[in-house]
N, C-alpha and C. Protein backbone atom coordinates (compact mmCIF):
# COMPACT_ATOMS: atom_id res chain seq x y z
N MET A 1 10.79 9.79 -0.14
CA MET A 1 10.11 8.96 0.83
C MET A 1 10.96 7.72 1.07
N THR A 2 11.28 7.44 2.32
CA THR A 2 12.00 6.22 2.65
C THR A 2 11.01 5.12 2.95
N ARG A 3 11.36 3.93 2.56
CA ARG A 3 10.45 2.81 2.76
C ARG A 3 10.73 2.14 4.11
N PRO A 4 9.68 1.83 4.86
CA PRO A 4 9.85 1.12 6.13
C PRO A 4 10.39 -0.29 5.88
N ALA A 5 10.90 -0.92 6.92
CA ALA A 5 11.47 -2.26 6.80
C ALA A 5 10.46 -3.28 6.29
N ALA A 6 9.17 -3.02 6.47
CA ALA A 6 8.14 -3.98 6.05
C ALA A 6 8.02 -4.07 4.53
N VAL A 7 8.62 -3.15 3.80
CA VAL A 7 8.51 -3.16 2.34
C VAL A 7 9.51 -4.16 1.76
N THR A 8 9.00 -5.10 1.00
CA THR A 8 9.85 -6.09 0.33
C THR A 8 9.44 -6.20 -1.12
N GLU A 9 10.15 -6.99 -1.87
CA GLU A 9 9.82 -7.21 -3.28
C GLU A 9 8.42 -7.80 -3.42
N ASP A 10 8.02 -8.65 -2.49
CA ASP A 10 6.73 -9.32 -2.60
C ASP A 10 5.60 -8.62 -1.86
N ASN A 11 5.92 -7.62 -1.03
CA ASN A 11 4.89 -7.04 -0.18
C ASN A 11 5.21 -5.57 0.08
N LEU A 12 4.72 -4.69 -0.75
CA LEU A 12 4.91 -3.26 -0.53
C LEU A 12 3.90 -2.82 0.51
N HIS A 13 4.35 -2.70 1.73
CA HIS A 13 3.45 -2.48 2.87
C HIS A 13 3.97 -1.32 3.69
N PHE A 14 3.20 -0.22 3.76
CA PHE A 14 3.63 0.97 4.48
C PHE A 14 3.17 1.00 5.93
N GLY A 15 2.15 0.24 6.25
CA GLY A 15 1.57 0.30 7.59
C GLY A 15 2.17 -0.70 8.55
N THR A 16 1.81 -0.58 9.81
CA THR A 16 2.27 -1.52 10.82
C THR A 16 1.25 -2.62 11.06
N HIS A 17 0.08 -2.51 10.45
CA HIS A 17 -0.98 -3.50 10.61
C HIS A 17 -1.11 -4.33 9.33
N PRO A 18 -1.20 -5.64 9.43
CA PRO A 18 -1.28 -6.48 8.23
C PRO A 18 -2.46 -6.15 7.32
N ASP A 19 -3.56 -5.68 7.90
CA ASP A 19 -4.73 -5.38 7.08
C ASP A 19 -4.77 -3.91 6.64
N ASP A 20 -3.65 -3.21 6.77
CA ASP A 20 -3.58 -1.78 6.41
C ASP A 20 -2.30 -1.51 5.62
N PRO A 21 -2.19 -2.03 4.39
CA PRO A 21 -0.94 -1.91 3.65
C PRO A 21 -0.56 -0.48 3.27
N ASN A 22 -1.53 0.43 3.21
CA ASN A 22 -1.21 1.81 2.87
C ASN A 22 -0.84 2.65 4.07
N GLY A 23 -0.91 2.10 5.26
CA GLY A 23 -0.51 2.83 6.46
C GLY A 23 -1.48 3.90 6.88
N VAL A 24 -2.77 3.73 6.58
CA VAL A 24 -3.77 4.73 6.95
C VAL A 24 -3.82 4.91 8.46
N ARG A 25 -3.76 3.83 9.20
CA ARG A 25 -3.83 3.92 10.67
C ARG A 25 -2.67 4.72 11.25
N ASP A 26 -1.51 4.66 10.58
CA ASP A 26 -0.32 5.34 11.07
C ASP A 26 -0.10 6.72 10.44
N CYS A 27 -1.01 7.15 9.59
CA CYS A 27 -0.83 8.41 8.86
C CYS A 27 -0.89 9.60 9.81
N GLY A 28 0.12 10.44 9.72
CA GLY A 28 0.16 11.63 10.54
C GLY A 28 -0.69 12.77 10.00
N THR A 29 -1.09 12.67 8.74
CA THR A 29 -1.90 13.72 8.13
C THR A 29 -3.37 13.59 8.50
N CYS A 30 -3.92 12.38 8.31
CA CYS A 30 -5.35 12.19 8.57
C CYS A 30 -5.61 11.50 9.91
N ARG A 31 -4.55 11.06 10.58
CA ARG A 31 -4.64 10.38 11.88
C ARG A 31 -5.55 9.15 11.82
N GLY A 32 -5.42 8.40 10.72
CA GLY A 32 -6.15 7.15 10.59
C GLY A 32 -7.56 7.26 10.06
N GLN A 33 -7.97 8.45 9.65
CA GLN A 33 -9.33 8.64 9.16
C GLN A 33 -9.45 8.49 7.64
N ALA A 34 -8.35 8.61 6.92
CA ALA A 34 -8.31 8.54 5.45
C ALA A 34 -9.03 9.70 4.78
N VAL A 35 -9.45 10.69 5.56
CA VAL A 35 -10.16 11.86 5.03
C VAL A 35 -9.58 13.11 5.67
N VAL A 36 -9.36 14.14 4.85
CA VAL A 36 -8.91 15.45 5.33
C VAL A 36 -9.78 16.50 4.65
N ASP A 37 -10.43 17.30 5.43
CA ASP A 37 -11.30 18.37 4.89
C ASP A 37 -12.31 17.82 3.87
N ALA A 38 -12.95 16.73 4.23
CA ALA A 38 -14.00 16.10 3.41
C ALA A 38 -13.49 15.59 2.06
N ALA A 39 -12.19 15.34 1.97
CA ALA A 39 -11.60 14.79 0.74
C ALA A 39 -10.64 13.67 1.15
N PRO A 40 -10.34 12.76 0.22
CA PRO A 40 -9.38 11.71 0.55
C PRO A 40 -8.05 12.30 1.01
N CYS A 41 -7.44 11.67 1.98
CA CYS A 41 -6.16 12.13 2.51
C CYS A 41 -5.11 12.09 1.39
N PRO A 42 -4.41 13.20 1.13
CA PRO A 42 -3.44 13.21 0.04
C PRO A 42 -2.25 12.28 0.29
N ASP A 43 -1.83 12.12 1.54
CA ASP A 43 -0.71 11.23 1.82
C ASP A 43 -1.10 9.77 1.66
N CYS A 44 -2.28 9.40 2.13
CA CYS A 44 -2.76 8.02 1.95
C CYS A 44 -2.94 7.72 0.47
N TRP A 45 -3.47 8.68 -0.27
CA TRP A 45 -3.68 8.52 -1.70
C TRP A 45 -2.34 8.33 -2.41
N ALA A 46 -1.32 9.12 -2.02
CA ALA A 46 0.00 9.01 -2.65
C ALA A 46 0.63 7.65 -2.38
N ARG A 47 0.48 7.14 -1.16
CA ARG A 47 1.01 5.81 -0.86
C ARG A 47 0.30 4.74 -1.69
N GLN A 48 -1.02 4.87 -1.85
CA GLN A 48 -1.76 3.91 -2.68
C GLN A 48 -1.28 3.97 -4.13
N GLN A 49 -1.04 5.16 -4.65
CA GLN A 49 -0.56 5.30 -6.02
C GLN A 49 0.80 4.65 -6.19
N LEU A 50 1.67 4.81 -5.21
CA LEU A 50 3.00 4.19 -5.26
C LEU A 50 2.88 2.67 -5.24
N ARG A 51 2.02 2.15 -4.38
CA ARG A 51 1.80 0.70 -4.33
C ARG A 51 1.22 0.20 -5.65
N ASP A 52 0.27 0.92 -6.21
CA ASP A 52 -0.33 0.52 -7.49
C ASP A 52 0.72 0.50 -8.61
N ALA A 53 1.56 1.53 -8.65
CA ALA A 53 2.60 1.60 -9.68
C ALA A 53 3.59 0.46 -9.52
N TRP A 54 3.97 0.16 -8.28
CA TRP A 54 4.89 -0.95 -8.04
C TRP A 54 4.25 -2.26 -8.51
N TRP A 55 3.00 -2.47 -8.12
CA TRP A 55 2.32 -3.72 -8.47
C TRP A 55 2.23 -3.87 -9.98
N ASN A 56 1.82 -2.80 -10.66
CA ASN A 56 1.65 -2.87 -12.11
C ASN A 56 2.98 -3.03 -12.84
N GLY A 57 4.08 -2.56 -12.24
CA GLY A 57 5.38 -2.64 -12.89
C GLY A 57 6.22 -3.81 -12.41
N SER A 58 5.68 -4.68 -11.60
CA SER A 58 6.45 -5.79 -11.05
C SER A 58 5.93 -7.11 -11.59
N SER A 59 6.51 -8.16 -11.08
CA SER A 59 6.03 -9.49 -11.47
C SER A 59 4.89 -9.94 -10.57
N GLY A 60 4.42 -9.08 -9.70
CA GLY A 60 3.33 -9.41 -8.78
C GLY A 60 2.08 -9.95 -9.45
N PRO A 61 1.57 -9.30 -10.49
CA PRO A 61 0.37 -9.83 -11.14
C PRO A 61 0.56 -11.23 -11.69
N GLU A 62 1.72 -11.51 -12.28
CA GLU A 62 1.96 -12.85 -12.82
C GLU A 62 2.08 -13.87 -11.70
N ARG A 63 2.73 -13.50 -10.59
CA ARG A 63 2.82 -14.42 -9.44
C ARG A 63 1.43 -14.74 -8.91
N LEU A 64 0.56 -13.73 -8.87
CA LEU A 64 -0.81 -13.96 -8.40
C LEU A 64 -1.55 -14.90 -9.34
N ARG A 65 -1.42 -14.66 -10.65
CA ARG A 65 -2.08 -15.55 -11.62
C ARG A 65 -1.58 -16.98 -11.46
N GLN A 66 -0.27 -17.15 -11.30
CA GLN A 66 0.31 -18.48 -11.14
C GLN A 66 -0.22 -19.14 -9.87
N THR A 67 -0.30 -18.40 -8.80
CA THR A 67 -0.82 -18.94 -7.53
C THR A 67 -2.26 -19.37 -7.69
N LEU A 68 -3.06 -18.56 -8.36
CA LEU A 68 -4.47 -18.91 -8.55
C LEU A 68 -4.63 -20.14 -9.42
N ARG A 69 -3.76 -20.29 -10.44
CA ARG A 69 -3.81 -21.47 -11.29
C ARG A 69 -3.50 -22.74 -10.51
N ASN A 70 -2.64 -22.61 -9.51
CA ASN A 70 -2.20 -23.78 -8.74
C ASN A 70 -3.13 -24.14 -7.60
N LEU A 71 -4.21 -23.41 -7.41
CA LEU A 71 -5.14 -23.72 -6.32
C LEU A 71 -5.98 -24.95 -6.63
């Protein structure tokens, strides 16, 4: 899987819409419905898993905690 230009160290974002980081609206499998044959779309699910793994393995959680502390 190649990452779109929108993917950066701070923002793993597959979609073209800011409120759709997993790219559900742009998904060619479910055509933006997030459901295929009454089950979650496998491609949307895979993108979410990749984002979750990146988040859990990056410094993202610590950056978020630091930001919240500074509010």
